[in-house]
N, C-alpha and C. Protein backbone atom coordinates (compact mmCIF):
# COMPACT_ATOMS: atom_id res chain seq x y z
N MET A 1 -52.91 -15.12 24.99
CA MET A 1 -54.11 -14.97 25.79
C MET A 1 -54.24 -13.51 26.24
N ALA A 2 -55.35 -12.91 25.96
CA ALA A 2 -55.56 -11.50 26.28
C ALA A 2 -55.82 -11.30 27.77
N THR A 3 -55.28 -10.22 28.30
CA THR A 3 -55.49 -9.87 29.70
C THR A 3 -56.89 -9.31 29.85
N LYS A 4 -57.62 -9.78 30.84
CA LYS A 4 -58.99 -9.34 31.10
C LYS A 4 -59.03 -8.66 32.46
N PHE A 5 -59.43 -7.39 32.48
CA PHE A 5 -59.56 -6.66 33.73
C PHE A 5 -60.95 -6.86 34.29
N THR A 6 -61.03 -6.95 35.61
CA THR A 6 -62.31 -7.11 36.29
C THR A 6 -62.62 -5.81 37.06
N THR A 7 -63.85 -5.73 37.54
CA THR A 7 -64.21 -4.57 38.36
C THR A 7 -63.40 -4.56 39.67
N ASP A 8 -63.00 -5.74 40.14
CA ASP A 8 -62.13 -5.81 41.33
C ASP A 8 -60.77 -5.19 41.04
N ASP A 9 -60.25 -5.42 39.82
CA ASP A 9 -58.98 -4.80 39.43
C ASP A 9 -59.11 -3.28 39.42
N VAL A 10 -60.22 -2.80 38.87
CA VAL A 10 -60.46 -1.35 38.82
C VAL A 10 -60.56 -0.79 40.24
N THR A 11 -61.26 -1.49 41.13
CA THR A 11 -61.38 -1.05 42.52
C THR A 11 -60.00 -0.94 43.16
N HIS A 12 -59.15 -1.94 42.92
CA HIS A 12 -57.80 -1.94 43.48
C HIS A 12 -56.96 -0.78 42.93
N ILE A 13 -56.99 -0.60 41.62
CA ILE A 13 -56.23 0.49 40.99
C ILE A 13 -56.72 1.84 41.50
N ALA A 14 -58.04 2.00 41.58
CA ALA A 14 -58.61 3.26 42.06
C ALA A 14 -58.21 3.54 43.51
N SER A 15 -58.16 2.50 44.33
CA SER A 15 -57.77 2.72 45.73
C SER A 15 -56.29 3.10 45.83
N LEU A 16 -55.44 2.51 44.98
CA LEU A 16 -54.03 2.87 44.97
C LEU A 16 -53.83 4.33 44.57
N ALA A 17 -54.65 4.78 43.62
CA ALA A 17 -54.55 6.16 43.14
C ALA A 17 -55.41 7.11 43.96
N ASN A 18 -56.15 6.57 44.93
CA ASN A 18 -57.05 7.36 45.77
C ASN A 18 -58.05 8.14 44.91
N ILE A 19 -58.64 7.44 43.94
CA ILE A 19 -59.62 8.04 43.04
C ILE A 19 -60.97 7.37 43.29
N PRO A 20 -61.99 8.16 43.61
CA PRO A 20 -63.31 7.55 43.80
C PRO A 20 -63.90 7.10 42.47
N VAL A 21 -64.42 5.88 42.43
CA VAL A 21 -65.01 5.32 41.22
C VAL A 21 -66.35 4.71 41.59
N THR A 22 -67.39 5.07 40.85
CA THR A 22 -68.72 4.51 41.12
C THR A 22 -68.82 3.10 40.55
N ASP A 23 -69.81 2.34 40.99
CA ASP A 23 -70.01 0.99 40.48
C ASP A 23 -70.27 1.02 38.97
N GLY A 24 -70.97 2.03 38.50
CA GLY A 24 -71.24 2.15 37.07
C GLY A 24 -69.98 2.39 36.25
N GLU A 25 -69.04 3.13 36.82
CA GLU A 25 -67.79 3.43 36.12
C GLU A 25 -66.85 2.23 36.10
N LYS A 26 -66.94 1.37 37.11
CA LYS A 26 -66.02 0.23 37.21
C LYS A 26 -66.09 -0.68 36.00
N LYS A 27 -67.30 -1.01 35.55
CA LYS A 27 -67.46 -1.90 34.39
C LYS A 27 -66.88 -1.25 33.14
N SER A 28 -67.20 0.03 32.94
CA SER A 28 -66.71 0.75 31.76
C SER A 28 -65.18 0.85 31.78
N LEU A 29 -64.61 1.15 32.94
CA LEU A 29 -63.15 1.24 33.06
C LEU A 29 -62.50 -0.12 32.85
N ALA A 30 -63.09 -1.18 33.40
CA ALA A 30 -62.53 -2.53 33.21
C ALA A 30 -62.50 -2.88 31.73
N ASP A 31 -63.58 -2.58 31.02
CA ASP A 31 -63.63 -2.84 29.57
C ASP A 31 -62.58 -2.01 28.83
N GLY A 32 -62.43 -0.75 29.21
CA GLY A 32 -61.44 0.13 28.58
C GLY A 32 -60.02 -0.33 28.83
N PHE A 33 -59.72 -0.74 30.08
CA PHE A 33 -58.39 -1.26 30.40
C PHE A 33 -58.09 -2.51 29.59
N THR A 34 -59.08 -3.40 29.50
CA THR A 34 -58.90 -4.65 28.76
C THR A 34 -58.61 -4.35 27.29
N LYS A 35 -59.35 -3.42 26.72
CA LYS A 35 -59.15 -3.06 25.31
C LYS A 35 -57.77 -2.44 25.10
N THR A 36 -57.37 -1.56 25.97
CA THR A 36 -56.06 -0.90 25.85
C THR A 36 -54.93 -1.91 25.95
N ILE A 37 -54.99 -2.79 26.93
CA ILE A 37 -53.94 -3.81 27.09
C ILE A 37 -53.94 -4.75 25.89
N GLY A 38 -55.11 -5.03 25.32
CA GLY A 38 -55.19 -5.87 24.12
C GLY A 38 -54.43 -5.24 22.96
N VAL A 39 -54.58 -3.94 22.79
CA VAL A 39 -53.86 -3.23 21.73
C VAL A 39 -52.35 -3.31 21.98
N VAL A 40 -51.94 -3.09 23.22
CA VAL A 40 -50.52 -3.16 23.56
C VAL A 40 -49.97 -4.56 23.31
N GLU A 41 -50.74 -5.59 23.67
CA GLU A 41 -50.30 -6.97 23.43
C GLU A 41 -50.13 -7.24 21.94
N GLU A 42 -51.02 -6.69 21.11
CA GLU A 42 -50.89 -6.85 19.65
C GLU A 42 -49.66 -6.12 19.13
N LEU A 43 -49.41 -4.93 19.65
CA LEU A 43 -48.23 -4.17 19.23
C LEU A 43 -46.94 -4.89 19.62
N ASN A 44 -46.95 -5.56 20.77
CA ASN A 44 -45.77 -6.29 21.21
C ASN A 44 -45.43 -7.47 20.31
N LYS A 45 -46.38 -7.93 19.51
CA LYS A 45 -46.15 -9.05 18.60
C LYS A 45 -45.45 -8.62 17.31
N LEU A 46 -45.42 -7.32 17.03
CA LEU A 46 -44.84 -6.83 15.79
C LEU A 46 -43.32 -6.96 15.80
N ASP A 47 -42.75 -7.30 14.63
CA ASP A 47 -41.30 -7.37 14.48
C ASP A 47 -40.79 -5.98 14.14
N VAL A 48 -40.09 -5.36 15.06
CA VAL A 48 -39.57 -4.02 14.84
C VAL A 48 -38.05 -4.02 14.73
N SER A 49 -37.48 -5.22 14.52
CA SER A 49 -36.02 -5.32 14.47
C SER A 49 -35.41 -4.59 13.28
N VAL A 50 -36.19 -4.36 12.22
CA VAL A 50 -35.65 -3.68 11.04
C VAL A 50 -36.08 -2.22 10.96
N VAL A 51 -36.76 -1.73 11.98
CA VAL A 51 -37.23 -0.35 11.98
C VAL A 51 -36.10 0.56 12.45
N THR A 52 -35.88 1.65 11.73
CA THR A 52 -34.88 2.63 12.13
C THR A 52 -35.58 3.87 12.66
N ALA A 53 -34.91 4.57 13.53
CA ALA A 53 -35.49 5.78 14.12
C ALA A 53 -35.51 6.90 13.08
N VAL A 54 -36.61 7.62 13.04
CA VAL A 54 -36.75 8.74 12.12
C VAL A 54 -37.11 9.98 12.94
N HIS A 55 -36.40 11.05 12.70
CA HIS A 55 -36.68 12.31 13.38
C HIS A 55 -37.38 13.24 12.40
N MET A 56 -38.60 13.58 12.70
CA MET A 56 -39.41 14.38 11.79
C MET A 56 -38.99 15.85 11.77
N THR A 57 -38.33 16.32 12.82
CA THR A 57 -37.99 17.74 12.90
C THR A 57 -36.69 18.06 12.19
N GLY A 58 -35.84 17.07 11.99
CA GLY A 58 -34.54 17.32 11.38
C GLY A 58 -33.53 17.90 12.36
N LEU A 59 -33.93 18.09 13.60
CA LEU A 59 -33.03 18.63 14.62
C LEU A 59 -32.18 17.52 15.21
N SER A 60 -31.02 17.89 15.68
CA SER A 60 -30.19 16.90 16.37
C SER A 60 -29.69 17.48 17.67
N ASN A 61 -29.68 16.67 18.70
CA ASN A 61 -29.21 17.04 20.03
C ASN A 61 -29.69 18.42 20.45
N VAL A 62 -30.99 18.54 20.63
CA VAL A 62 -31.57 19.81 21.06
C VAL A 62 -31.54 19.96 22.58
N LEU A 63 -31.01 18.95 23.27
CA LEU A 63 -30.93 19.01 24.72
C LEU A 63 -29.67 19.74 25.15
N ARG A 64 -29.76 20.44 26.25
CA ARG A 64 -28.59 21.14 26.76
C ARG A 64 -27.77 20.19 27.64
N GLU A 65 -26.55 20.54 27.88
CA GLU A 65 -25.72 19.77 28.79
C GLU A 65 -26.29 19.89 30.21
N ASP A 66 -26.14 18.86 30.99
CA ASP A 66 -26.65 18.85 32.36
C ASP A 66 -25.63 19.52 33.27
N GLU A 67 -25.67 20.85 33.27
CA GLU A 67 -24.74 21.63 34.07
C GLU A 67 -25.51 22.59 34.96
N VAL A 68 -24.96 22.88 36.11
CA VAL A 68 -25.58 23.82 37.04
C VAL A 68 -25.29 25.24 36.56
N ASP A 69 -26.34 26.04 36.45
CA ASP A 69 -26.20 27.44 36.07
C ASP A 69 -26.26 28.26 37.35
N LYS A 70 -25.11 28.59 37.89
CA LYS A 70 -25.05 29.26 39.19
C LYS A 70 -25.70 30.64 39.17
N LYS A 71 -25.83 31.25 37.98
CA LYS A 71 -26.48 32.56 37.89
C LYS A 71 -27.98 32.44 38.17
N ARG A 72 -28.56 31.26 37.98
CA ARG A 72 -30.00 31.08 38.17
C ARG A 72 -30.33 30.40 39.50
N MET A 73 -29.33 30.14 40.33
CA MET A 73 -29.56 29.44 41.60
C MET A 73 -30.01 30.42 42.69
N PHE A 74 -30.88 29.92 43.56
CA PHE A 74 -31.25 30.67 44.75
C PHE A 74 -30.27 30.34 45.86
N THR A 75 -30.05 31.32 46.71
CA THR A 75 -29.37 31.02 47.96
C THR A 75 -30.39 30.33 48.87
N GLN A 76 -29.93 29.74 49.93
CA GLN A 76 -30.85 29.08 50.85
C GLN A 76 -31.84 30.10 51.42
N GLU A 77 -31.37 31.28 51.73
CA GLU A 77 -32.24 32.32 52.27
C GLU A 77 -33.31 32.72 51.26
N GLN A 78 -32.93 32.86 49.98
CA GLN A 78 -33.91 33.22 48.94
C GLN A 78 -34.95 32.11 48.77
N ALA A 79 -34.51 30.86 48.81
CA ALA A 79 -35.43 29.74 48.63
C ALA A 79 -36.45 29.68 49.76
N LEU A 80 -36.03 30.02 50.96
CA LEU A 80 -36.91 29.93 52.13
C LEU A 80 -37.67 31.23 52.40
N ALA A 81 -37.40 32.27 51.64
CA ALA A 81 -37.95 33.60 51.93
C ALA A 81 -39.46 33.62 52.03
N ASN A 82 -40.18 32.90 51.20
CA ASN A 82 -41.65 32.95 51.20
C ASN A 82 -42.28 31.72 51.86
N ALA A 83 -41.46 30.88 52.47
CA ALA A 83 -41.99 29.68 53.11
C ALA A 83 -42.77 30.08 54.36
N PRO A 84 -43.96 29.51 54.54
CA PRO A 84 -44.75 29.88 55.72
C PRO A 84 -44.14 29.35 57.02
N ASN A 85 -43.34 28.28 56.95
CA ASN A 85 -42.79 27.70 58.17
C ASN A 85 -41.43 27.09 57.86
N THR A 86 -40.41 27.52 58.59
CA THR A 86 -39.05 26.97 58.43
C THR A 86 -38.47 26.68 59.80
N HIS A 87 -37.40 25.86 59.79
CA HIS A 87 -36.69 25.55 61.03
C HIS A 87 -35.26 25.19 60.67
N ASN A 88 -34.31 25.93 61.23
CA ASN A 88 -32.88 25.68 61.02
C ASN A 88 -32.52 25.55 59.55
N GLY A 89 -33.10 26.41 58.70
CA GLY A 89 -32.75 26.43 57.29
C GLY A 89 -33.46 25.41 56.43
N TYR A 90 -34.52 24.78 56.93
CA TYR A 90 -35.28 23.79 56.17
C TYR A 90 -36.75 24.19 56.11
N PHE A 91 -37.45 23.71 55.06
CA PHE A 91 -38.89 23.87 54.99
C PHE A 91 -39.53 22.97 56.03
N VAL A 92 -40.58 23.43 56.68
CA VAL A 92 -41.35 22.60 57.60
C VAL A 92 -42.71 22.37 56.95
N VAL A 93 -43.09 21.09 56.81
CA VAL A 93 -44.37 20.73 56.20
C VAL A 93 -45.12 19.79 57.12
N ASP A 94 -46.44 19.69 56.89
CA ASP A 94 -47.24 18.78 57.68
C ASP A 94 -46.82 17.34 57.41
N GLN A 95 -46.93 16.50 58.41
CA GLN A 95 -46.61 15.09 58.27
C GLN A 95 -47.64 14.40 57.41
N LEU A 96 -47.18 13.57 56.48
CA LEU A 96 -48.09 12.78 55.66
C LEU A 96 -48.20 11.39 56.26
N ILE A 97 -49.40 10.94 56.45
CA ILE A 97 -49.64 9.62 57.04
C ILE A 97 -50.39 8.77 56.04
N GLU A 98 -49.89 7.55 55.81
CA GLU A 98 -50.54 6.65 54.87
C GLU A 98 -51.90 6.23 55.39
N GLN A 99 -52.83 6.07 54.47
CA GLN A 99 -54.18 5.66 54.82
C GLN A 99 -54.32 4.16 54.64
N ASP A 100 -54.69 3.46 55.68
CA ASP A 100 -54.92 2.02 55.58
C ASP A 100 -56.38 1.77 55.26
N ASP A 101 -56.63 0.86 54.33
CA ASP A 101 -58.01 0.53 53.99
C ASP A 101 -58.52 -0.65 54.78
């Protein structure tokens, strides 16, 4: 059974993301979400148990080791040097307050 998105779903998602959406956009977005999820549901039906991974670049392990490079580290003073507001060695930022609908 295919998942069907409604304009109420779009309204809810938009409010979570704090994105303004017009009534005209809601129908179009609901249709687009439904179509996208339909494609994903079809892909989930495919048997991929015999598929092997293929690397098109021919490279192997191009990632570096997860190590701290102390030559590139800032001291605490350097990190805070351009901060507009600090207190006892920490950045001071405005308080974020959640918006209730």
